[in-house]
Structures are given as C-alpha cells and as structure tokens.
Amino acid sequence: GQFRAQTQSRETATSSAEMAASNLEILGRIPESLSGRLIRNGPEPLGDAHSHDGLPGSSNAMLHQISIAGGRADYQSRRISSTSAFGEDLEAFGGIQTPRGGPNSGLVLHGGHVRALGALSNPVVVNASLEVESIDDLAGSMPFGIGTHAHVDSVWDEMIVIGSSPRSSSFQVGTVDVKGRMRRVVEIATDTPMFPDTPIFIHDFSFTDTDVVVLASGADMINGGVSWDPTAPAYFGVLPRDGEASDIRWHEVSPRVVWHFMNSYRDGTQIVVDHVAHRAPIATAGRLMPLPGATAPQLRRTIINTETGETSDEVLDERAVEFPAIDNRRQGLRHRFAYAALASSQFDNHIGEFDALVRYDFRSDQAVDHSFEDGIIVGEPVVVPRRSSSGEDDAWVLAITTDLRNRTSSVVVIDPQAFGEAPVAEIKLPQMLPIGHHHLWVPSH
C-alpha cells in the first residue's frame, strides 16, 4: 500500500499538556517484578497543530513518563523547549535544514543518565523528574550533534553515536565511555563516486561486537525537507569499531532508506543486518499526500560477506512494520526474538499509525501478532527483562496505545510467551498522547 509522507495523521496530531497524576487506573494486574520508568519522547508543537513545515520533527520535545512500582503507576509529562535546550527558539526556523534540531525523538540510557536525542541536536540529560540537568556537547567533537539514535554496547558499556547532516559531505562516528567522555571520533567523507555531488541521508545505525554498520542513501534538500531518488542504489558501510576512516567498506544494495535497524551481529565472515527498509521519498514541506514510489516499510535481512564484499537480501515480513525492538542486552549479538509495530491493510495510508504488534522467533521462523480493537493504534514496543539475569524471552513487552474513538491512551503490558493473548495489565493514562517516536525503559535497580 501507499504510505503518507507525514508521521502524524490529522486525527492524532494534538499537543498534550504538562501534568502529573498518581495512582493511575489499572485493568488487570501489573507484575510485581515490573519496577521502573517508561519514558516516551516525541515532537509536540505548542497548540493543536502541526509544526509549520508539516514535519513534527521540528517541534519541541514532550516527554511522558509512567513510573511503575509495587503494582501501581504514576504519570508525569514535561516539555523540553528548544529555547531551554539551546538558547534559541528553533520552532522559528523549523525543518530538518535548521543548524540545530531539538531533542524531540530518541532516548538513551548510559552511565546511569537518561539523554533525550534529536536530529542535528546535542543530547539533553534529564533527571528522574524529567527536568533538564545539562546539555551534553560531547566536548565539541560532533559538529552535527549525535542525531536521533545512540546505541549502547552492554558488554563493554560503550555508547556508539553518529553525527550527520544532509548538507554535509561527511559524517562522524564516535564512541563514548561510561563516564560520558568521548573516547574516539572518526570522520568519514562521503564525497565519493558513490555519491557524486550528492549529500547523504543517515538516520539510524547498528553495530556488532566488531563493527559499526550504517546505511547511506543519496539525498537532496527540497522545499524544507529531504528527498531521495528511489531508483538509486543505497550502500551499507561497515567500519571496524577501532578502525580509521580509510577502513570503512561500502556494499551496494537495492534502493532503500532505513529509519530503524533491528540489530546486527557477526556470523563468522558474515554480518547479518536486520532492518526496516523504505522505498519512498521523505516528506517535503507541506506534503501530506502519498508520494511517488512510496511503499510499505518491510523487515529485511541483509547478509554482508566482509571477505568477498558480496551481499544477499531477504524480506523477512512483507507486511508493513516499523519501530523494531529486541532485548537491548542482545544489541550487537545474535538475537532470537524481536518485536515491531504492525500495520494491517486498513492502515495502509498512515505511516505513523499501527494497529498491532508482532513478535518474531527467528529460530522457529514463526511470527505471532497481538491485535487491538478497531480504532486503537499502538507505538513502539519496549522489551523489559523480568530480571537482570533473565533469558532473552523472559521479559515483558510494553507499548503505548491510543484509542481514537474516545481519545484516550494507555500503557499495555504483554507477556511474550502468550503474545497473542490479552495484556496482563492496561494502565490508563490521564490524557491522550499524540503519536510519539521512541521509548525507553529505565529499571529501578
């Protein structure tokens, strides 16, 4: 089906209020072992409207936090304005072309600190009350900030970051130690024969125990947005984690753009890269209609042979999925289980609206769907281990749902081992949440 260019529909593009509420209504029973904070980040313009350029990514950040302990739940929301983060009102500029974005999309937990992330933005450190503690400029080593995504290697306790801009002919790959110090930065030029006179688009990345994996697509700046040629090839770049810029190797694949990786891992001389592939232009300013070449995002597996340079490609799920998730302790390692938001056929015209979740078992090659009632949409799933020593599937899956019929939102808690059954708990939130971007679980211990 064709997918719209925007990430929020007219029905759900609302702004929520800063507020707090205690002892939320719960249907079912919250597991006693579930103790921590679920935080959701997303762009919310002031007022009930899109940001002026049609891209919610240029709006201020709104953080929503659900604190869970002892079978009960509390709620808090707080806005992080561009002014408070950067000393200037970035909504006056808008769009991905701005010299700085806002921390309005991603979240990462590293070294005991929660950082809010966004395109062309430095990380913003927030405390348990969602107040801004500091702006992390990474010692000035990343001129474009670190973007929406940062990933933590739980084995080495390192955070890997990438800084890129569609206006630049290079990007940076950095490694941050557990104390928040930038250990190393590698700058990689992209003005190569692969992208002659063409800026590149990099949104997310992945890593293995030995390499960093990026997907670069040639991009153009058009009318306040970014677009790319859906007929031009894309390239997976593989950089050894302790390598230099000259060590990166590029591997051509069919045309695509990757907003989100599921995971990557080494298998001998091969790197297995699971990711969600799009073949569609990004929205340009004010464009809300389906754009030419737009197709449903699909879960794909690319296998890169690092000795021969050959690649193979396989579609793992032909249905429309996004926001893939695994147990974060398996990032960079072979994973068996994974999850994603799933869109049924009736949602084919809304890229931000998913009405189901899916659980993949890659050992048995089985997928189980968790469907919701008509009118309910769901966001990114989060995998929460039941204990620090739990196995990969000994977990809970949390997600935020929104009921478009009565304009309410909830947190659902699902047992992965009974994934197709009803949630074990549903936490009723005190206000409707707009469609957000990314979630983070912060355990109590």
Protein backbone atom coordinates (compact mmCIF):
# COMPACT_ATOMS: atom_id res chain seq x y z
CA GLY A 1 0.00 0.00 0.00
CA GLN A 2 0.97 3.63 -0.30
CA PHE A 3 2.13 5.44 2.79
CA ARG A 4 1.63 9.07 3.60
CA ALA A 5 4.62 11.34 3.95
CA GLN A 6 3.74 12.67 7.39
CA THR A 7 4.38 10.89 10.66
CA GLN A 8 1.19 12.04 12.37
CA SER A 9 -2.31 11.98 10.96
CA ARG A 10 -4.79 14.84 11.26
CA GLU A 11 -6.81 12.78 13.73
CA THR A 12 -3.93 12.36 16.18
CA ALA A 13 -1.80 15.48 15.67
CA THR A 14 -2.60 17.02 19.04
CA SER A 15 -0.43 18.51 21.73
CA SER A 16 -0.69 17.22 25.27
CA ALA A 17 -0.35 19.19 28.49
CA GLU A 18 2.34 19.19 31.13
CA MET A 19 0.79 17.45 34.11
CA ALA A 20 1.21 14.82 36.81
CA ALA A 21 -1.16 12.16 38.11
CA SER A 22 -0.79 9.49 40.79
CA ASN A 23 -2.24 6.04 41.33
CA LEU A 24 -3.47 5.54 37.77
CA GLU A 25 -6.39 3.27 36.96
CA ILE A 26 -5.23 -0.24 36.09
CA LEU A 27 -7.10 -3.01 34.31
CA GLY A 28 -5.68 -6.40 35.20
CA ARG A 29 -2.61 -6.57 37.40
CA ILE A 30 0.86 -5.09 36.95
CA PRO A 31 3.51 -7.78 37.55
CA GLU A 32 5.31 -7.27 40.86
CA SER A 33 8.66 -7.70 39.12
CA LEU A 34 7.97 -4.72 36.84
CA SER A 35 9.62 -1.73 38.51
CA GLY A 36 10.99 1.29 36.69
CA ARG A 37 10.09 4.16 34.40
CA LEU A 38 8.75 4.06 30.84
CA ILE A 39 9.64 7.32 29.06
CA ARG A 40 8.25 8.36 25.68
CA ASN A 41 9.76 11.17 23.58
CA GLY A 42 8.10 12.90 20.68
CA PRO A 43 7.68 16.25 18.94
CA GLU A 44 4.68 18.26 20.04
CA PRO A 45 4.15 21.80 18.72
CA LEU A 46 2.62 24.30 21.08
CA GLY A 47 -1.09 24.22 20.35
CA ASP A 48 -3.24 21.70 18.48
CA ALA A 49 -1.42 21.79 15.16
CA HIS A 50 1.49 20.50 13.14
CA SER A 51 4.72 22.42 13.20
CA HIS A 52 4.51 24.94 10.40
CA ASP A 53 6.57 22.92 7.94
CA GLY A 54 4.39 19.82 8.13
CA LEU A 55 7.15 17.84 9.81
CA PRO A 56 6.58 17.25 13.52
CA GLY A 57 10.31 16.60 13.87
CA SER A 58 10.93 20.35 14.10
CA SER A 59 8.72 20.82 17.18
CA ASN A 60 9.71 20.98 20.81
CA ALA A 61 10.09 17.74 22.73
CA MET A 62 7.43 16.42 25.10
CA LEU A 63 8.49 13.68 27.49
CA HIS A 64 5.86 11.39 29.00
CA GLN A 65 6.86 9.20 31.94
CA ILE A 66 4.99 6.33 33.54
CA SER A 67 6.59 5.28 36.83
CA ILE A 68 5.76 1.71 37.85
CA ALA A 69 6.47 0.07 41.21
CA GLY A 70 4.67 -2.23 43.62
CA GLY A 71 1.81 -2.88 41.23
CA ARG A 72 0.85 0.80 40.86
CA ALA A 73 1.67 3.53 38.35
CA ASP A 74 2.11 7.31 38.30
CA TYR A 75 2.34 9.68 35.34
CA GLN A 76 4.24 12.85 34.54
CA SER A 77 4.83 14.87 31.38
CA ARG A 78 7.22 17.72 30.74
CA ARG A 79 8.07 19.82 27.72
CA ILE A 80 11.69 20.42 26.74
CA SER A 81 11.66 23.63 24.75
CA SER A 82 14.24 24.37 22.12
CA THR A 83 14.89 27.61 23.96
CA SER A 84 15.78 25.89 27.22
CA ALA A 85 18.00 23.42 25.44
CA PHE A 86 19.83 25.68 23.01
CA GLY A 87 19.12 29.28 23.93
CA GLU A 88 17.07 29.99 20.82
CA ASP A 89 13.58 29.15 19.69
CA LEU A 90 14.16 26.61 16.96
CA GLU A 91 10.48 26.48 16.08
CA ALA A 92 11.07 29.86 14.45
CA PHE A 93 13.27 28.05 11.95
CA GLY A 94 11.63 24.64 11.55
CA GLY A 95 12.52 21.71 9.36
CA ILE A 96 15.48 19.41 9.06
CA GLN A 97 17.54 22.13 7.37
CA THR A 98 17.98 24.06 10.63
CA PRO A 99 21.50 24.35 12.01
CA ARG A 100 20.27 22.65 15.16
CA GLY A 101 17.27 20.46 15.76
CA GLY A 102 15.70 19.64 19.09
CA PRO A 103 15.92 16.62 21.41
CA ASN A 104 12.45 15.52 20.38
CA SER A 105 12.70 11.97 19.12
CA GLY A 106 15.11 9.49 20.71
CA LEU A 107 16.15 8.39 24.20
CA VAL A 108 19.16 6.50 25.52
CA LEU A 109 20.27 5.28 28.96
CA HIS A 110 24.02 5.13 29.51
CA GLY A 111 26.17 5.51 32.59
CA GLY A 112 23.08 6.00 34.73
CA HIS A 113 21.98 9.07 32.75
CA VAL A 114 18.92 9.47 30.51
CA ARG A 115 19.58 11.53 27.39
CA ALA A 116 16.92 12.92 25.07
CA LEU A 117 18.05 12.95 21.44
CA GLY A 118 17.00 14.54 18.17
CA ALA A 119 18.16 15.23 14.64
CA LEU A 120 21.04 17.73 14.38
CA SER A 121 20.98 18.06 18.17
CA ASN A 122 23.23 17.64 21.15
CA PRO A 123 21.95 15.23 23.83
CA VAL A 124 19.93 16.69 26.69
CA VAL A 125 20.40 14.99 30.06
CA VAL A 126 17.17 14.79 32.11
CA ASN A 127 16.66 13.65 35.69
CA ALA A 128 14.01 11.38 37.20
CA SER A 129 11.56 14.33 37.23
CA LEU A 130 12.22 14.97 33.52
CA GLU A 131 13.96 18.25 34.31
CA VAL A 132 16.89 19.27 32.13
CA GLU A 133 20.12 18.73 34.03
CA SER A 134 22.61 19.59 31.33
CA ILE A 135 23.33 19.82 27.63
CA ASP A 136 25.99 17.35 26.54
CA ASP A 137 28.04 18.95 23.78
CA LEU A 138 30.38 15.94 23.66
CA ALA A 139 33.36 18.28 24.07
CA GLY A 140 32.53 19.87 20.72
CA SER A 141 33.62 16.74 18.88
CA MET A 142 30.39 16.22 16.91
CA PRO A 143 29.55 19.31 14.83
CA PHE A 144 26.08 17.98 13.93
CA GLY A 145 25.27 16.59 17.37
CA ILE A 146 24.56 12.87 17.51
CA GLY A 147 21.16 12.67 15.90
CA THR A 148 18.10 10.73 16.95
CA HIS A 149 19.75 7.41 17.74
CA ALA A 150 22.58 6.30 20.01
CA HIS A 151 23.20 2.66 20.87
CA VAL A 152 24.79 1.08 23.93
CA ASP A 153 27.00 -2.00 23.85
CA SER A 154 26.04 -3.59 27.16
CA VAL A 155 29.08 -5.89 27.07
CA TRP A 156 31.64 -3.07 27.00
CA ASP A 157 29.31 -0.39 28.41
CA GLU A 158 30.15 1.89 25.49
CA MET A 159 27.74 4.22 23.73
CA ILE A 160 28.17 4.49 19.97
CA VAL A 161 26.96 7.68 18.29
CA ILE A 162 26.77 9.06 14.76
CA GLY A 163 26.56 12.68 13.67
CA SER A 164 25.45 13.54 10.16
CA SER A 165 23.69 16.22 8.17
CA PRO A 166 22.16 16.07 4.67
CA ARG A 167 24.05 19.30 4.00
CA SER A 168 27.46 17.82 4.75
CA SER A 169 29.86 15.71 2.69
CA SER A 170 30.99 13.76 5.77
CA PHE A 171 29.68 12.15 8.94
CA GLN A 172 31.23 11.26 12.30
CA VAL A 173 31.23 8.00 14.26
CA GLY A 174 32.00 8.39 17.96
CA THR A 175 32.44 6.14 20.98
CA VAL A 176 31.52 7.40 24.47
CA ASP A 177 32.74 5.69 27.64
CA VAL A 178 30.62 5.01 30.73
CA LYS A 179 31.73 8.33 32.28
CA GLY A 180 30.33 10.23 29.32
CA ARG A 181 33.73 11.02 27.83
CA MET A 182 34.23 10.85 24.07
CA ARG A 183 36.82 8.11 23.62
CA ARG A 184 37.31 8.49 19.88
CA VAL A 185 35.75 10.11 16.81
CA VAL A 186 36.22 9.08 13.19
CA GLU A 187 35.17 11.44 10.38
CA ILE A 188 34.21 9.73 7.14
CA ALA A 189 33.99 11.59 3.83
CA THR A 190 31.05 10.83 1.57
CA ASP A 191 32.03 12.90 -1.48
CA THR A 192 32.92 9.68 -3.28
CA PRO A 193 31.99 8.24 -6.69
CA MET A 194 29.04 6.54 -4.95
CA PHE A 195 27.52 9.92 -4.05
CA PRO A 196 28.91 12.41 -6.58
CA ASP A 197 27.89 15.93 -5.57
CA THR A 198 25.07 14.42 -3.51
CA PRO A 199 24.59 14.71 0.24
CA ILE A 200 23.67 11.51 2.06
CA PHE A 201 20.90 10.60 4.46
CA ILE A 202 21.73 8.57 7.59
CA HIS A 203 19.13 8.32 10.34
CA ASP A 204 19.94 5.21 12.38
CA PHE A 205 22.78 2.71 12.52
CA SER A 206 23.64 -0.61 14.09
CA PHE A 207 26.70 -2.40 15.42
CA THR A 208 28.22 -5.82 16.03
CA ASP A 209 30.87 -6.79 18.55
CA THR A 210 33.49 -5.69 16.00
CA ASP A 211 31.89 -3.23 13.56
CA VAL A 212 29.57 -0.25 13.13
CA VAL A 213 27.02 -0.60 10.31
CA VAL A 214 25.36 2.37 8.57
CA LEU A 215 23.04 2.66 5.57
CA ALA A 216 23.70 5.68 3.37
CA SER A 217 21.30 6.90 0.68
CA GLY A 218 21.87 9.83 -1.65
CA ALA A 219 19.63 12.75 -0.66
CA ASP A 220 18.53 16.15 -1.92
CA MET A 221 17.33 19.19 0.01
CA ILE A 222 13.94 20.21 -1.39
CA ASN A 223 11.49 22.81 -0.09
CA GLY A 224 12.35 22.48 3.57
CA GLY A 225 12.65 18.70 3.59
CA VAL A 226 14.78 15.86 2.34
CA SER A 227 14.09 13.63 -0.64
CA TRP A 228 15.98 10.86 -2.36
CA ASP A 229 15.87 9.04 -5.67
CA PRO A 230 14.05 5.71 -5.11
CA THR A 231 15.83 4.26 -8.15
CA ALA A 232 19.38 4.95 -6.93
CA PRO A 233 21.27 2.24 -5.03
CA ALA A 234 22.00 2.50 -1.33
CA TYR A 235 25.17 1.43 0.44
CA PHE A 236 25.84 -0.35 3.71
CA GLY A 237 29.02 0.96 5.28
CA VAL A 238 30.96 -1.34 7.61
CA LEU A 239 33.52 0.36 9.87
CA PRO A 240 35.66 -1.59 12.35
CA ARG A 241 34.87 -0.20 15.79
CA ASP A 242 38.52 0.69 16.39
CA GLY A 243 39.21 1.45 12.74
CA GLU A 244 40.04 4.65 10.89
CA ALA A 245 38.11 6.37 8.11
CA SER A 246 40.13 4.53 5.47
CA ASP A 247 38.96 1.20 6.90
CA ILE A 248 35.29 1.64 6.03
CA ARG A 249 33.97 -0.63 3.29
CA TRP A 250 30.82 0.16 1.30
CA HIS A 251 28.48 -2.54 -0.03
CA GLU A 252 25.87 -1.71 -2.67
CA VAL A 253 22.28 -2.88 -2.16
CA SER A 254 18.96 -2.18 -3.86
CA PRO A 255 17.38 1.26 -3.36
CA ARG A 256 16.14 1.89 0.18
CA VAL A 257 16.24 4.17 3.16
CA VAL A 258 16.47 2.84 6.71
CA TRP A 259 14.85 4.77 9.53
CA HIS A 260 15.40 1.99 12.07
CA PHE A 261 17.64 -1.02 12.46
CA MET A 262 16.53 -4.03 14.47
CA ASN A 263 20.01 -5.42 15.15
CA SER A 264 23.24 -6.60 13.54
CA TYR A 265 25.61 -9.39 14.50
CA ARG A 266 28.67 -11.26 13.29
CA ASP A 267 28.38 -14.82 11.96
CA GLY A 268 31.92 -15.79 11.00
CA THR A 269 32.94 -13.75 7.96
CA GLN A 270 29.38 -12.50 7.53
CA ILE A 271 27.45 -9.66 9.13
CA VAL A 272 23.70 -10.17 9.49
CA VAL A 273 21.78 -6.87 9.37
CA ASP A 274 18.06 -6.89 10.26
CA HIS A 275 16.39 -3.58 9.43
CA VAL A 276 13.19 -1.92 8.22
CA ALA A 277 13.59 -0.80 4.61
CA HIS A 278 11.61 2.02 2.98
CA ARG A 279 11.43 2.86 -0.69
CA ALA A 280 9.85 6.30 -0.57
CA PRO A 281 10.85 9.96 -0.55
CA ILE A 282 10.84 11.76 2.77
CA ALA A 283 8.19 14.43 3.10
CA THR A 284 8.85 17.88 1.75
CA ALA A 285 7.27 20.94 3.28
CA GLY A 286 3.50 20.77 3.43
CA ARG A 287 3.25 17.48 1.50
CA LEU A 288 0.55 15.28 3.06
CA MET A 289 -0.39 13.20 0.02
CA PRO A 290 1.18 9.85 -0.92
CA LEU A 291 4.40 10.48 -2.81
CA PRO A 292 5.52 8.61 -5.96
CA GLY A 293 7.32 5.35 -5.24
CA ALA A 294 6.04 5.09 -1.67
CA THR A 295 5.68 1.51 -0.45
CA ALA A 296 5.10 -0.20 2.86
CA PRO A 297 8.22 -0.45 5.05
CA GLN A 298 9.31 -4.08 5.27
CA LEU A 299 11.51 -6.03 7.64
CA ARG A 300 14.57 -7.16 5.69
CA ARG A 301 17.73 -9.12 6.38
CA THR A 302 20.90 -8.24 4.51
CA ILE A 303 23.91 -10.53 4.87
CA ILE A 304 27.27 -8.92 4.10
CA ASN A 305 30.28 -11.12 3.42
CA THR A 306 33.16 -8.99 4.67
CA GLU A 307 35.76 -11.13 2.88
CA THR A 308 34.23 -11.15 -0.61
CA GLY A 309 32.13 -7.98 -0.37
CA GLU A 310 29.07 -9.85 -1.64
CA THR A 311 25.62 -9.20 -0.18
CA SER A 312 22.34 -11.10 -0.11
CA ASP A 313 18.93 -9.70 0.70
CA GLU A 314 15.77 -11.30 2.09
CA VAL A 315 12.37 -9.89 3.02
CA LEU A 316 11.51 -11.32 6.44
CA ASP A 317 7.99 -9.86 6.60
CA GLU A 318 6.14 -8.48 3.59
CA ARG A 319 3.67 -6.63 5.79
CA ALA A 320 4.09 -3.01 6.88
CA VAL A 321 6.13 -2.83 10.07
CA GLU A 322 8.23 -0.23 11.86
CA PHE A 323 9.85 0.53 15.23
CA PRO A 324 11.66 -2.82 15.60
CA ALA A 325 12.81 -3.79 19.10
CA ILE A 326 14.80 -6.52 20.81
CA ASP A 327 16.12 -7.13 24.31
CA ASN A 328 18.76 -4.38 24.36
CA ARG A 329 21.21 -6.70 26.08
CA ARG A 330 21.40 -8.53 22.73
CA GLN A 331 22.35 -5.44 20.71
CA GLY A 332 25.34 -6.37 18.57
CA LEU A 333 24.89 -10.07 19.34
CA ARG A 334 22.80 -12.80 17.71
CA HIS A 335 19.15 -12.38 18.71
CA ARG A 336 16.37 -14.93 18.60
CA PHE A 337 13.32 -12.82 19.44
CA ALA A 338 12.25 -9.43 18.14
CA TYR A 339 9.17 -7.21 18.06
CA ALA A 340 7.74 -4.45 15.89
CA ALA A 341 4.67 -2.30 15.34
CA LEU A 342 2.50 -3.76 12.58
CA ALA A 343 0.01 -2.04 10.26
CA SER A 344 -2.92 -4.01 8.88
CA SER A 345 -4.21 -3.33 5.37
CA GLN A 346 -6.81 -0.84 6.59
CA PHE A 347 -4.00 1.39 7.88
CA ASP A 348 -2.01 1.46 4.64
CA ASN A 349 -2.46 5.21 4.18
CA HIS A 350 -0.98 6.26 7.52
CA ILE A 351 2.72 5.76 8.05
CA GLY A 352 2.61 6.64 11.74
CA GLU A 353 -0.41 4.53 12.62
CA PHE A 354 -0.03 0.87 13.52
CA ASP A 355 -2.87 -1.22 14.89
CA ALA A 356 -0.99 -4.33 16.05
CA LEU A 357 2.31 -5.64 17.37
CA VAL A 358 4.24 -8.63 16.07
CA ARG A 359 6.68 -10.99 17.79
CA TYR A 360 9.29 -12.81 15.70
CA ASP A 361 11.04 -16.04 16.66
CA PHE A 362 13.93 -16.36 14.22
CA ARG A 363 14.88 -19.83 15.42
CA SER A 364 11.48 -21.34 14.62
CA ASP A 365 10.70 -18.82 11.83
CA GLN A 366 7.35 -18.00 13.41
CA ALA A 367 5.56 -14.71 13.90
CA VAL A 368 2.74 -14.07 16.36
CA ASP A 369 0.55 -10.95 16.14
CA HIS A 370 -1.01 -9.08 19.02
CA SER A 371 -4.07 -7.30 17.63
CA PHE A 372 -6.06 -4.48 19.17
CA GLU A 373 -9.68 -3.44 18.77
CA ASP A 374 -10.67 -1.32 15.78
CA GLY A 375 -9.80 2.31 16.39
CA ILE A 376 -6.78 1.60 18.61
CA ILE A 377 -3.29 2.41 17.37
CA VAL A 378 -0.02 1.45 19.00
CA GLY A 379 3.53 2.75 19.06
CA GLU A 380 7.00 1.34 19.52
CA PRO A 381 7.27 -1.77 21.71
CA VAL A 382 9.79 -1.93 24.55
CA VAL A 383 11.28 -5.18 25.84
CA VAL A 384 11.77 -5.23 29.63
CA PRO A 385 13.71 -8.18 31.12
CA ARG A 386 11.96 -9.56 34.21
CA ARG A 387 15.32 -9.83 35.99
CA SER A 388 18.85 -8.78 35.12
CA SER A 389 19.70 -12.47 34.71
CA SER A 390 16.59 -13.26 32.65
CA GLY A 391 16.79 -15.06 29.35
CA GLU A 392 16.02 -13.24 26.12
CA ASP A 393 12.31 -14.10 26.17
CA ASP A 394 11.84 -13.93 29.95
CA ALA A 395 10.53 -10.40 29.71
CA TRP A 396 7.55 -8.10 29.47
CA VAL A 397 6.65 -6.11 26.37
CA LEU A 398 5.32 -2.60 26.99
CA ALA A 399 3.70 -0.27 24.47
CA ILE A 400 1.57 2.87 24.49
CA THR A 401 -1.79 2.66 22.73
CA THR A 402 -4.22 5.40 21.73
CA ASP A 403 -7.95 4.85 21.27
CA LEU A 404 -9.06 7.21 18.51
CA ARG A 405 -12.72 6.57 19.34
CA ASN A 406 -12.67 8.09 22.81
CA ARG A 407 -9.34 9.96 22.60
CA THR A 408 -7.63 8.12 25.44
CA SER A 409 -4.22 6.49 25.82
CA SER A 410 -2.93 3.54 27.83
CA VAL A 411 0.18 1.51 28.53
CA VAL A 412 -0.25 -2.20 27.85
CA VAL A 413 1.89 -4.91 29.47
CA ILE A 414 2.10 -8.08 27.36
CA ASP A 415 3.57 -11.47 28.21
CA PRO A 416 5.81 -12.50 25.25
CA GLN A 417 5.17 -16.17 25.96
CA ALA A 418 1.43 -15.56 25.49
CA PHE A 419 1.84 -12.79 22.95
CA GLY A 420 -1.42 -13.27 21.08
CA GLU A 421 -3.49 -13.14 24.26
CA ALA A 422 -4.87 -10.14 26.14
CA PRO A 423 -2.40 -7.90 28.01
CA VAL A 424 -1.76 -8.85 31.63
CA ALA A 425 -2.29 -5.18 32.52
CA GLU A 426 -3.51 -1.95 30.97
CA ILE A 427 -2.55 1.34 32.63
CA LYS A 428 -4.97 4.16 31.84
CA LEU A 429 -3.19 7.46 31.23
CA PRO A 430 -4.76 10.76 32.33
CA GLN A 431 -4.66 12.33 28.87
CA MET A 432 -4.50 11.38 25.20
CA LEU A 433 -0.94 11.18 23.91
CA PRO A 434 -0.13 12.13 20.32
CA ILE A 435 1.76 9.58 18.28
CA GLY A 436 5.32 9.65 19.58
CA HIS A 437 8.64 8.45 18.34
CA HIS A 438 10.73 6.43 20.75
CA HIS A 439 10.51 4.88 24.21
CA LEU A 440 13.00 3.98 26.92
CA TRP A 441 12.74 1.73 29.95
CA VAL A 442 14.75 2.81 33.00
CA PRO A 443 14.83 -0.02 35.57
CA SER A 444 14.60 0.81 39.26
CA HIS A 445 17.69 -1.26 40.02
